[in-house]
N, C-alpha and C. Protein backbone atom coordinates (compact mmCIF):
# COMPACT_ATOMS: atom_id res chain seq x y z
N MET A 1 87.19 -16.43 -2.48
CA MET A 1 88.40 -16.12 -3.41
C MET A 1 88.94 -14.74 -3.37
N THR A 2 90.07 -14.72 -3.54
CA THR A 2 90.79 -12.89 -3.31
C THR A 2 90.85 -12.50 -4.99
N LEU A 3 90.12 -11.16 -4.99
CA LEU A 3 90.49 -11.04 -6.30
C LEU A 3 91.63 -9.73 -6.49
N ILE A 4 92.53 -9.94 -7.85
CA ILE A 4 93.55 -9.02 -7.81
C ILE A 4 93.40 -8.41 -9.08
N VAL A 5 93.70 -7.32 -9.05
CA VAL A 5 93.88 -6.30 -10.25
C VAL A 5 95.09 -5.89 -10.45
N HIS A 6 95.27 -6.15 -11.92
CA HIS A 6 96.92 -5.78 -12.28
C HIS A 6 96.62 -5.02 -13.43
N LYS A 7 97.16 -3.80 -13.69
CA LYS A 7 97.38 -2.76 -14.51
C LYS A 7 98.43 -3.01 -15.34
N TYR A 8 98.87 -2.97 -16.87
CA TYR A 8 99.85 -2.94 -17.62
C TYR A 8 99.99 -2.31 -18.57
N GLY A 9 100.94 -1.42 -18.69
CA GLY A 9 101.11 -0.68 -19.70
C GLY A 9 102.56 -0.30 -20.18
N GLY A 10 102.40 0.75 -20.80
CA GLY A 10 103.94 1.35 -21.10
C GLY A 10 105.12 0.41 -21.59
N THR A 11 106.37 0.28 -20.82
CA THR A 11 107.37 -0.60 -21.24
C THR A 11 106.82 -2.02 -21.25
N SER A 12 105.94 -2.58 -19.85
CA SER A 12 105.65 -3.72 -19.64
C SER A 12 104.75 -4.36 -20.96
N MET A 13 104.16 -3.45 -21.86
CA MET A 13 103.47 -3.78 -22.93
C MET A 13 104.03 -3.19 -24.54
N GLY A 14 105.39 -3.13 -24.40
CA GLY A 14 105.89 -2.50 -25.18
C GLY A 14 106.32 -3.58 -26.38
N SER A 15 106.27 -4.60 -26.44
CA SER A 15 106.90 -5.38 -27.33
C SER A 15 106.03 -7.09 -26.91
N VAL A 16 106.12 -7.79 -28.04
CA VAL A 16 105.49 -9.24 -28.09
C VAL A 16 105.84 -9.91 -27.00
N GLU A 17 107.22 -9.77 -26.84
CA GLU A 17 107.76 -10.68 -25.83
C GLU A 17 107.51 -10.40 -24.40
N ARG A 18 106.99 -8.89 -24.26
CA ARG A 18 106.71 -8.50 -23.03
C ARG A 18 105.22 -8.63 -22.85
N ILE A 19 104.49 -8.49 -23.74
CA ILE A 19 102.99 -9.15 -23.80
C ILE A 19 102.95 -10.50 -23.24
N LYS A 20 103.64 -11.21 -23.71
CA LYS A 20 103.52 -12.64 -23.77
C LYS A 20 104.09 -12.82 -21.87
N ASN A 21 105.07 -12.11 -21.19
CA ASN A 21 105.58 -12.30 -20.19
C ASN A 21 104.24 -11.76 -19.15
N VAL A 22 103.50 -10.68 -19.63
CA VAL A 22 102.36 -10.42 -18.94
C VAL A 22 101.15 -11.15 -18.78
N ALA A 23 101.36 -11.86 -19.93
CA ALA A 23 99.99 -13.37 -19.85
C ALA A 23 100.86 -14.47 -19.10
N LEU A 24 101.96 -14.89 -19.22
CA LEU A 24 102.49 -15.72 -18.06
C LEU A 24 102.08 -15.60 -16.59
N ARG A 25 102.38 -14.19 -16.52
CA ARG A 25 102.32 -13.65 -14.98
C ARG A 25 100.71 -13.85 -14.75
N VAL A 26 99.86 -13.33 -15.59
CA VAL A 26 98.53 -13.35 -15.24
C VAL A 26 98.37 -14.82 -14.93
N ALA A 27 98.46 -15.95 -15.87
CA ALA A 27 98.28 -17.23 -15.70
C ALA A 27 98.50 -17.66 -14.53
N LYS A 28 99.82 -17.63 -13.97
CA LYS A 28 100.52 -17.91 -12.91
C LYS A 28 99.51 -17.62 -11.41
N TRP A 29 98.78 -16.24 -11.59
CA TRP A 29 98.01 -15.96 -10.50
C TRP A 29 96.82 -16.83 -10.54
N HIS A 30 95.97 -16.87 -11.90
CA HIS A 30 94.93 -17.37 -11.89
C HIS A 30 95.29 -18.99 -11.56
N LYS A 31 96.20 -19.50 -11.94
CA LYS A 31 96.47 -21.19 -11.75
C LYS A 31 96.58 -21.07 -10.06
N ALA A 32 97.13 -20.08 -9.41
CA ALA A 32 97.20 -20.02 -8.06
C ALA A 32 95.77 -20.00 -7.28
N GLY A 33 94.73 -19.89 -8.08
CA GLY A 33 93.43 -19.92 -7.65
C GLY A 33 93.18 -18.36 -7.21
N TYR A 34 93.58 -17.50 -7.78
CA TYR A 34 93.22 -15.99 -7.50
C TYR A 34 92.23 -15.67 -8.68
N GLN A 35 90.98 -14.95 -8.53
CA GLN A 35 90.67 -14.03 -9.41
C GLN A 35 91.26 -12.77 -9.73
N ILE A 36 91.15 -13.02 -11.29
CA ILE A 36 92.18 -11.73 -11.53
C ILE A 36 91.65 -10.83 -12.63
N VAL A 37 91.32 -9.72 -12.42
CA VAL A 37 91.30 -8.60 -13.41
C VAL A 37 92.63 -7.78 -13.93
N VAL A 38 92.51 -8.12 -15.31
CA VAL A 38 93.52 -7.25 -16.17
C VAL A 38 93.12 -6.12 -16.97
N VAL A 39 93.89 -4.81 -16.88
CA VAL A 39 93.59 -3.70 -17.25
C VAL A 39 95.02 -3.11 -18.22
N PRO A 40 94.76 -3.56 -19.20
CA PRO A 40 95.76 -3.04 -20.23
C PRO A 40 95.95 -1.78 -20.56
N SER A 41 97.09 -1.20 -20.92
CA SER A 41 97.05 0.15 -20.87
C SER A 41 97.79 0.25 -22.41
N ALA A 42 98.24 1.31 -22.95
CA ALA A 42 98.79 1.73 -24.06
C ALA A 42 100.36 1.50 -23.94
N MET A 43 100.53 0.74 -25.26
CA MET A 43 102.06 -0.03 -25.38
C MET A 43 102.96 1.53 -25.39
N SER A 44 104.14 1.20 -25.15
CA SER A 44 105.12 2.13 -24.70
C SER A 44 105.33 3.04 -25.88
N GLY A 45 105.16 4.33 -25.27
CA GLY A 45 105.36 5.50 -26.62
C GLY A 45 104.08 5.65 -27.55
N GLU A 46 102.85 4.86 -27.42
CA GLU A 46 102.10 5.23 -28.31
C GLU A 46 101.35 6.45 -28.07
N THR A 47 100.78 6.74 -26.72
CA THR A 47 100.10 7.64 -26.47
C THR A 47 100.65 8.94 -26.87
N ASN A 48 102.19 8.93 -26.48
CA ASN A 48 102.97 10.13 -26.99
C ASN A 48 103.07 10.54 -28.34
N ARG A 49 103.24 9.40 -29.43
CA ARG A 49 103.33 9.34 -30.62
C ARG A 49 101.77 9.76 -31.15
N LEU A 50 100.69 9.30 -30.93
CA LEU A 50 99.43 9.82 -31.15
C LEU A 50 99.29 11.44 -30.88
N LEU A 51 99.81 11.80 -29.62
CA LEU A 51 99.51 13.38 -29.30
C LEU A 51 100.63 14.13 -30.15
N LYS A 52 101.76 13.70 -30.72
CA LYS A 52 102.80 14.39 -31.41
C LYS A 52 102.08 14.45 -32.84
N LEU A 53 101.41 13.42 -33.32
CA LEU A 53 100.89 13.76 -34.64
C LEU A 53 99.59 14.37 -34.72
N ALA A 54 98.92 14.49 -33.50
CA ALA A 54 97.69 15.83 -33.32
C ALA A 54 98.22 16.89 -33.52
N HIS A 55 99.73 17.32 -32.91
CA HIS A 55 100.09 18.61 -32.55
C HIS A 55 100.70 18.99 -34.27
N GLU A 56 100.93 17.79 -34.83
CA GLU A 56 101.53 18.20 -36.19
C GLU A 56 100.49 18.79 -37.11
N ILE A 57 99.11 18.13 -37.27
CA ILE A 57 98.11 18.43 -37.92
C ILE A 57 97.18 19.70 -37.33
N SER A 58 97.71 20.30 -35.89
CA SER A 58 97.08 21.56 -35.73
C SER A 58 97.87 21.97 -34.40
N PRO A 59 98.71 23.07 -34.78
CA PRO A 59 99.57 23.45 -33.51
C PRO A 59 98.85 23.62 -31.99
N GLN A 60 97.74 24.11 -32.17
CA GLN A 60 96.96 24.53 -31.13
C GLN A 60 95.53 23.52 -31.09
N PRO A 61 95.70 21.82 -30.92
CA PRO A 61 94.80 21.22 -31.00
C PRO A 61 93.80 21.58 -29.63
N ASP A 62 92.30 21.33 -30.13
CA ASP A 62 91.31 21.56 -28.94
C ASP A 62 91.63 20.49 -27.91
N PRO A 63 91.62 20.84 -26.44
CA PRO A 63 91.95 20.05 -25.34
C PRO A 63 91.16 18.72 -25.65
N ARG A 64 89.86 19.10 -25.67
CA ARG A 64 88.98 17.91 -25.85
C ARG A 64 89.42 16.71 -26.76
N GLU A 65 89.90 16.94 -27.99
CA GLU A 65 90.29 16.55 -29.05
C GLU A 65 91.54 15.55 -28.53
N LEU A 66 92.45 16.23 -27.97
CA LEU A 66 93.55 15.64 -27.56
C LEU A 66 93.23 14.43 -26.00
N ASP A 67 92.10 14.66 -25.64
CA ASP A 67 91.58 13.52 -24.83
C ASP A 67 91.24 12.58 -25.53
N ILE A 68 90.47 12.67 -26.63
CA ILE A 68 90.16 11.78 -27.43
C ILE A 68 90.91 11.02 -28.05
N VAL A 69 92.23 11.82 -28.68
CA VAL A 69 93.08 11.08 -29.16
C VAL A 69 94.09 10.41 -28.15
N ALA A 70 94.57 10.76 -26.96
CA ALA A 70 95.02 10.04 -25.88
C ALA A 70 94.05 8.61 -25.45
N ALA A 71 92.82 8.65 -25.27
CA ALA A 71 92.01 7.44 -25.24
C ALA A 71 92.32 6.79 -26.27
N THR A 72 92.51 7.10 -27.59
CA THR A 72 92.58 5.97 -28.28
C THR A 72 93.73 5.24 -28.58
N GLY A 73 94.95 5.98 -27.58
CA GLY A 73 96.07 4.75 -27.28
C GLY A 73 95.88 3.87 -26.68
N GLU A 74 95.10 4.30 -25.54
CA GLU A 74 94.66 3.23 -24.68
C GLU A 74 93.77 2.18 -25.09
N GLN A 75 93.02 2.30 -26.20
CA GLN A 75 92.31 1.28 -26.75
C GLN A 75 93.00 0.35 -27.94
C-alpha cells in the first residue's frame, strides 16, 4: 500500500469550509486505498498574528521565545 503525506496550512486551513475541503480530499485518498498521513499547519495568518503580539509586548523579543510563539501557532 502506498503511503501519501499531505501538509495543509495557511489558506487551505483558513476557514471551516476550507478545512472541510481538506477532510474530503483526505477521505478520497483513503477511500482509494492509500495510507495517508496528514500534517496540519497553522491557519491562515495565525503565526503572523502571534508574532505581531509578541513584538507588541516586547520590541525586541528573545529569538528563542519567538520560536516558541511561532510553534504555538502550529499547534
